[in-house]
Amino acid sequence: MSGILTKLWLILHFPKKIQLWIIRLFHDEFLVGVAGVIFNQKDEILLFKHTYREIGWGLPGGYMKAKEHPMEGLEREIEEESGFIVSIDEPIKIRTDRETARLEVCYIGEYLGGEFKKSGEVSKADFFTFENLPLIPRKQIFLIDYALKKRKKSRESKWNTSSNWSFINKFKTIRN
């Protein structure tokens, strides 16, 4: 049966908009969310107290808009919900929630500035050390731990690279 449908699909050669409409009729749609582990200069983690969650505190995030890159979506969501400006730097995880047909792209980022302004979704925002996190969803603790380890490893490799260049420059100076 699927072979016949595939041949029919190729013969009819529908325009792309119609193809997508037909595909959406037969496939589940997913919401695409974004979340971020955002650090300040002291390596503290930004958390929001959400007005709509059972466990109030959690990582900042939200849902992407059409034609929006996930990094842009996360930066936009954080600014809309808190007034904070952040830089989203690198992806760390993609997670799925099978119960809600939700895909979440998680990133590491840096807090750049801004004054907190309360919104309909966020009543408070604060930075916490890993050791002093308030009650947050367990899966977010694992995500923060992973981000901290990745950040530490990244810093160590940058330090090793810069110290190697320093050594090379000293060697060149001595040699000349």
C-alpha atoms as a PDB file:
ATOM      1  CA  MET A   1       0.000   0.000   0.000  1.00  0.00           C
ATOM      2  CA  SER A   2       2.731   2.488   0.930  1.00  0.00           C
ATOM      3  CA  GLY A   3       4.543   1.761  -2.358  1.00  0.00           C
ATOM      4  CA  ILE A   4       1.432   2.687  -4.342  1.00  0.00           C
ATOM      5  CA  LEU A   5       0.981   5.895  -2.335  1.00  0.00           C
ATOM      6  CA  THR A   6       4.631   6.821  -2.868  1.00  0.00           C
ATOM      7  CA  LYS A   7       4.299   6.368  -6.648  1.00  0.00           C
ATOM      8  CA  LEU A   8       1.054   8.395  -6.663  1.00  0.00           C
ATOM      9  CA  TRP A   9       2.768  11.113  -4.591  1.00  0.00           C
ATOM     10  CA  LEU A  10       5.610  11.347  -7.151  1.00  0.00           C
ATOM     11  CA  ILE A  11       3.247  11.380 -10.152  1.00  0.00           C
ATOM     12  CA  LEU A  12       0.939  14.086  -8.763  1.00  0.00           C
ATOM     13  CA  HIS A  13       3.865  16.341  -7.746  1.00  0.00           C
ATOM     14  CA  PHE A  14       1.861  18.663  -5.489  1.00  0.00           C
ATOM     15  CA  PRO A  15       3.171  22.150  -4.685  1.00  0.00           C
ATOM     16  CA  LYS A  16       5.172  22.296  -1.446  1.00  0.00           C
ATOM     17  CA  LYS A  17       2.380  23.951   0.606  1.00  0.00           C
ATOM     18  CA  ILE A  18      -0.058  21.181  -0.316  1.00  0.00           C
ATOM     19  CA  GLN A  19       2.576  18.506   0.372  1.00  0.00           C
ATOM     20  CA  LEU A  20       3.120  19.908   3.868  1.00  0.00           C
ATOM     21  CA  TRP A  21      -0.635  20.133   4.507  1.00  0.00           C
ATOM     22  CA  ILE A  22      -1.090  16.463   3.515  1.00  0.00           C
ATOM     23  CA  ILE A  23       1.900  15.361   5.622  1.00  0.00           C
ATOM     24  CA  ARG A  24       0.523  17.230   8.661  1.00  0.00           C
ATOM     25  CA  LEU A  25      -2.794  15.408   8.290  1.00  0.00           C
ATOM     26  CA  PHE A  26      -1.077  12.058   8.862  1.00  0.00           C
ATOM     27  CA  HIS A  27       1.677  12.960  11.322  1.00  0.00           C
ATOM     28  CA  ASP A  28       1.748  14.249  14.870  1.00  0.00           C
ATOM     29  CA  GLU A  29       2.798  17.829  15.314  1.00  0.00           C
ATOM     30  CA  PHE A  30       5.339  18.772  17.969  1.00  0.00           C
ATOM     31  CA  LEU A  31       5.695  21.960  19.914  1.00  0.00           C
ATOM     32  CA  VAL A  32       9.292  23.121  19.832  1.00  0.00           C
ATOM     33  CA  GLY A  33      10.463  24.642  23.072  1.00  0.00           C
ATOM     34  CA  VAL A  34      13.752  26.239  24.056  1.00  0.00           C
ATOM     35  CA  ALA A  35      15.388  26.393  27.479  1.00  0.00           C
ATOM     36  CA  GLY A  36      18.633  27.818  28.733  1.00  0.00           C
ATOM     37  CA  VAL A  37      21.174  27.393  31.470  1.00  0.00           C
ATOM     38  CA  ILE A  38      22.219  31.031  31.710  1.00  0.00           C
ATOM     39  CA  PHE A  39      25.301  31.945  33.742  1.00  0.00           C
ATOM     40  CA  ASN A  40      26.410  35.270  35.186  1.00  0.00           C
ATOM     41  CA  GLN A  41      30.066  36.224  35.712  1.00  0.00           C
ATOM     42  CA  LYS A  42      30.120  34.393  39.075  1.00  0.00           C
ATOM     43  CA  ASP A  43      28.988  31.115  37.419  1.00  0.00           C
ATOM     44  CA  GLU A  44      25.595  31.384  39.104  1.00  0.00           C
ATOM     45  CA  ILE A  45      22.555  30.050  37.251  1.00  0.00           C
ATOM     46  CA  LEU A  46      19.591  32.217  36.257  1.00  0.00           C
ATOM     47  CA  LEU A  47      16.234  30.839  37.397  1.00  0.00           C
ATOM     48  CA  PHE A  48      12.745  32.236  36.950  1.00  0.00           C
ATOM     49  CA  LYS A  49       9.843  31.845  39.370  1.00  0.00           C
ATOM     50  CA  HIS A  50       7.095  30.937  36.912  1.00  0.00           C
ATOM     51  CA  THR A  51       3.498  31.860  37.665  1.00  0.00           C
ATOM     52  CA  TYR A  52       2.014  28.832  35.887  1.00  0.00           C
ATOM     53  CA  ARG A  53       4.094  25.871  37.146  1.00  0.00           C
ATOM     54  CA  GLU A  54       3.509  23.582  40.117  1.00  0.00           C
ATOM     55  CA  ILE A  55       7.191  23.870  41.034  1.00  0.00           C
ATOM     56  CA  GLY A  56       7.599  27.614  40.686  1.00  0.00           C
ATOM     57  CA  TRP A  57      11.332  27.969  40.070  1.00  0.00           C
ATOM     58  CA  GLY A  58      12.913  26.725  36.866  1.00  0.00           C
ATOM     59  CA  LEU A  59      15.139  27.463  33.916  1.00  0.00           C
ATOM     60  CA  PRO A  60      14.086  30.234  31.545  1.00  0.00           C
ATOM     61  CA  GLY A  61      12.550  29.179  28.270  1.00  0.00           C
ATOM     62  CA  GLY A  62       9.492  29.117  26.087  1.00  0.00           C
ATOM     63  CA  TYR A  63       8.239  28.187  22.644  1.00  0.00           C
ATOM     64  CA  MET A  64       9.664  29.149  19.296  1.00  0.00           C
ATOM     65  CA  LYS A  65       7.782  31.180  16.739  1.00  0.00           C
ATOM     66  CA  ALA A  66       7.577  30.264  13.052  1.00  0.00           C
ATOM     67  CA  LYS A  67      10.790  30.894  11.076  1.00  0.00           C
ATOM     68  CA  GLU A  68      12.736  31.606  14.268  1.00  0.00           C
ATOM     69  CA  HIS A  69      16.078  30.008  15.069  1.00  0.00           C
ATOM     70  CA  PRO A  70      16.056  28.297  18.503  1.00  0.00           C
ATOM     71  CA  MET A  71      18.849  30.561  19.807  1.00  0.00           C
ATOM     72  CA  GLU A  72      16.941  33.675  18.764  1.00  0.00           C
ATOM     73  CA  GLY A  73      13.763  32.239  20.264  1.00  0.00           C
ATOM     74  CA  LEU A  74      15.402  31.697  23.643  1.00  0.00           C
ATOM     75  CA  GLU A  75      16.933  35.183  23.686  1.00  0.00           C
ATOM     76  CA  ARG A  76      13.529  36.657  22.778  1.00  0.00           C
ATOM     77  CA  GLU A  77      11.642  34.623  25.396  1.00  0.00           C
ATOM     78  CA  ILE A  78      14.026  35.640  28.191  1.00  0.00           C
ATOM     79  CA  GLU A  79      13.827  39.310  27.248  1.00  0.00           C
ATOM     80  CA  GLU A  80      10.009  39.221  26.958  1.00  0.00           C
ATOM     81  CA  GLU A  81       9.538  37.420  30.277  1.00  0.00           C
ATOM     82  CA  SER A  82      12.131  39.275  32.359  1.00  0.00           C
ATOM     83  CA  GLY A  83      13.701  42.237  30.573  1.00  0.00           C
ATOM     84  CA  PHE A  84      17.117  40.518  30.732  1.00  0.00           C
ATOM     85  CA  ILE A  85      19.462  40.499  27.769  1.00  0.00           C
ATOM     86  CA  VAL A  86      21.380  37.260  27.274  1.00  0.00           C
ATOM     87  CA  SER A  87      23.704  35.744  24.720  1.00  0.00           C
ATOM     88  CA  ILE A  88      22.938  32.155  23.788  1.00  0.00           C
ATOM     89  CA  ASP A  89      26.209  30.440  23.020  1.00  0.00           C
ATOM     90  CA  GLU A  90      25.935  26.712  22.372  1.00  0.00           C
ATOM     91  CA  PRO A  91      23.453  23.847  22.346  1.00  0.00           C
ATOM     92  CA  ILE A  92      23.794  21.264  25.093  1.00  0.00           C
ATOM     93  CA  LYS A  93      20.827  18.893  24.796  1.00  0.00           C
ATOM     94  CA  ILE A  94      17.733  18.072  22.820  1.00  0.00           C
ATOM     95  CA  ARG A  95      15.004  16.498  24.903  1.00  0.00           C
ATOM     96  CA  THR A  96      11.617  15.054  24.066  1.00  0.00           C
ATOM     97  CA  ASP A  97       8.467  14.765  26.117  1.00  0.00           C
ATOM     98  CA  ARG A  98       6.401  11.938  24.692  1.00  0.00           C
ATOM     99  CA  GLU A  99       3.344  12.771  26.792  1.00  0.00           C
ATOM    100  CA  THR A 100       2.947  16.250  25.322  1.00  0.00           C
ATOM    101  CA  ALA A 101       4.516  15.821  21.857  1.00  0.00           C
ATOM    102  CA  ARG A 102       7.092  18.422  22.793  1.00  0.00           C
ATOM    103  CA  LEU A 103      10.685  18.791  21.653  1.00  0.00           C
ATOM    104  CA  GLU A 104      12.978  21.040  23.699  1.00  0.00           C
ATOM    105  CA  VAL A 105      16.327  22.415  22.554  1.00  0.00           C
ATOM    106  CA  CYS A 106      18.525  23.390  25.503  1.00  0.00           C
ATOM    107  CA  TYR A 107      21.416  25.853  25.417  1.00  0.00           C
ATOM    108  CA  ILE A 108      24.155  27.384  27.540  1.00  0.00           C
ATOM    109  CA  GLY A 109      24.224  31.166  27.611  1.00  0.00           C
ATOM    110  CA  GLU A 110      25.548  34.266  29.354  1.00  0.00           C
ATOM    111  CA  TYR A 111      23.692  37.017  31.163  1.00  0.00           C
ATOM    112  CA  LEU A 112      24.644  40.372  29.613  1.00  0.00           C
ATOM    113  CA  GLY A 113      22.460  42.797  31.565  1.00  0.00           C
ATOM    114  CA  GLY A 114      19.092  44.422  31.925  1.00  0.00           C
ATOM    115  CA  GLU A 115      16.725  45.252  34.762  1.00  0.00           C
ATOM    116  CA  PHE A 116      14.236  42.609  35.858  1.00  0.00           C
ATOM    117  CA  LYS A 117      10.641  43.436  35.039  1.00  0.00           C
ATOM    118  CA  LYS A 118       7.853  41.164  36.216  1.00  0.00           C
ATOM    119  CA  SER A 119       5.660  39.616  33.517  1.00  0.00           C
ATOM    120  CA  GLY A 120       2.512  37.515  33.357  1.00  0.00           C
ATOM    121  CA  GLU A 121       4.654  34.375  33.232  1.00  0.00           C
ATOM    122  CA  VAL A 122       7.541  35.267  35.569  1.00  0.00           C
ATOM    123  CA  SER A 123       7.097  36.817  39.018  1.00  0.00           C
ATOM    124  CA  LYS A 124      10.764  36.698  40.121  1.00  0.00           C
ATOM    125  CA  ALA A 125      14.225  36.064  38.715  1.00  0.00           C
ATOM    126  CA  ASP A 126      17.434  35.377  40.583  1.00  0.00           C
ATOM    127  CA  PHE A 127      20.867  33.793  40.249  1.00  0.00           C
ATOM    128  CA  PHE A 128      21.793  30.742  42.332  1.00  0.00           C
ATOM    129  CA  THR A 129      24.896  28.673  42.889  1.00  0.00           C
ATOM    130  CA  PHE A 130      24.483  24.983  42.108  1.00  0.00           C
ATOM    131  CA  GLU A 131      24.773  24.172  45.817  1.00  0.00           C
ATOM    132  CA  ASN A 132      21.964  26.606  46.736  1.00  0.00           C
ATOM    133  CA  LEU A 133      19.366  25.885  44.050  1.00  0.00           C
ATOM    134  CA  PRO A 134      15.753  26.230  45.178  1.00  0.00           C
ATOM    135  CA  LEU A 135      13.287  23.415  44.492  1.00  0.00           C
ATOM    136  CA  ILE A 136      13.277  22.929  40.706  1.00  0.00           C
ATOM    137  CA  PRO A 137      12.251  20.027  38.437  1.00  0.00           C
ATOM    138  CA  ARG A 138      14.706  17.124  38.745  1.00  0.00           C
ATOM    139  CA  LYS A 139      15.397  16.941  35.005  1.00  0.00           C
ATOM    140  CA  GLN A 140      16.557  20.572  35.148  1.00  0.00           C
ATOM    141  CA  ILE A 141      19.077  19.761  37.904  1.00  0.00           C
ATOM    142  CA  PHE A 142      20.657  17.174  35.592  1.00  0.00           C
ATOM    143  CA  LEU A 143      20.709  19.722  32.774  1.00  0.00           C
ATOM    144  CA  ILE A 144      22.398  22.352  34.982  1.00  0.00           C
ATOM    145  CA  ASP A 145      24.964  19.824  36.204  1.00  0.00           C
ATOM    146  CA  TYR A 146      25.725  18.826  32.609  1.00  0.00           C
ATOM    147  CA  ALA A 147      26.068  22.496  31.579  1.00  0.00           C
ATOM    148  CA  LEU A 148      28.419  23.236  34.488  1.00  0.00           C
ATOM    149  CA  LYS A 149      30.663  20.309  33.552  1.00  0.00           C
ATOM    150  CA  LYS A 150      30.660  21.315  29.887  1.00  0.00           C
ATOM    151  CA  ARG A 151      31.468  24.923  30.814  1.00  0.00           C
ATOM    152  CA  LYS A 152      34.344  23.827  33.063  1.00  0.00           C
ATOM    153  CA  LYS A 153      35.747  21.546  30.350  1.00  0.00           C
ATOM    154  CA  SER A 154      35.478  24.333  27.773  1.00  0.00           C
ATOM    155  CA  ARG A 155      37.336  26.752  30.041  1.00  0.00           C
ATOM    156  CA  GLU A 156      40.075  24.198  30.703  1.00  0.00           C
ATOM    157  CA  SER A 157      40.614  23.593  26.996  1.00  0.00           C
ATOM    158  CA  LYS A 158      40.748  27.359  26.342  1.00  0.00           C
ATOM    159  CA  TRP A 159      43.295  27.753  29.141  1.00  0.00           C
ATOM    160  CA  ASN A 160      45.417  24.944  27.736  1.00  0.00           C
ATOM    161  CA  THR A 161      45.259  26.475  24.261  1.00  0.00           C
ATOM    162  CA  SER A 162      46.204  29.959  25.476  1.00  0.00           C
ATOM    163  CA  SER A 163      49.038  28.619  27.627  1.00  0.00           C
ATOM    164  CA  ASN A 164      50.360  26.696  24.612  1.00  0.00           C
ATOM    165  CA  TRP A 165      50.368  29.898  22.535  1.00  0.00           C
ATOM    166  CA  SER A 166      52.073  31.720  25.375  1.00  0.00           C
ATOM    167  CA  PHE A 167      54.796  29.064  25.424  1.00  0.00           C
ATOM    168  CA  ILE A 168      55.224  29.260  21.642  1.00  0.00           C
ATOM    169  CA  ASN A 169      55.517  33.064  21.766  1.00  0.00           C
ATOM    170  CA  LYS A 170      58.130  32.869  24.562  1.00  0.00           C
ATOM    171  CA  PHE A 171      60.065  30.289  22.544  1.00  0.00           C
ATOM    172  CA  LYS A 172      60.013  32.547  19.474  1.00  0.00           C
ATOM    173  CA  THR A 173      61.292  35.469  21.552  1.00  0.00           C
ATOM    174  CA  ILE A 174      64.141  33.423  23.043  1.00  0.00           C
ATOM    175  CA  ARG A 175      65.059  32.037  19.652  1.00  0.00           C
ATOM    176  CA  ASN A 176      65.229  35.467  18.001  1.00  0.00           C
END
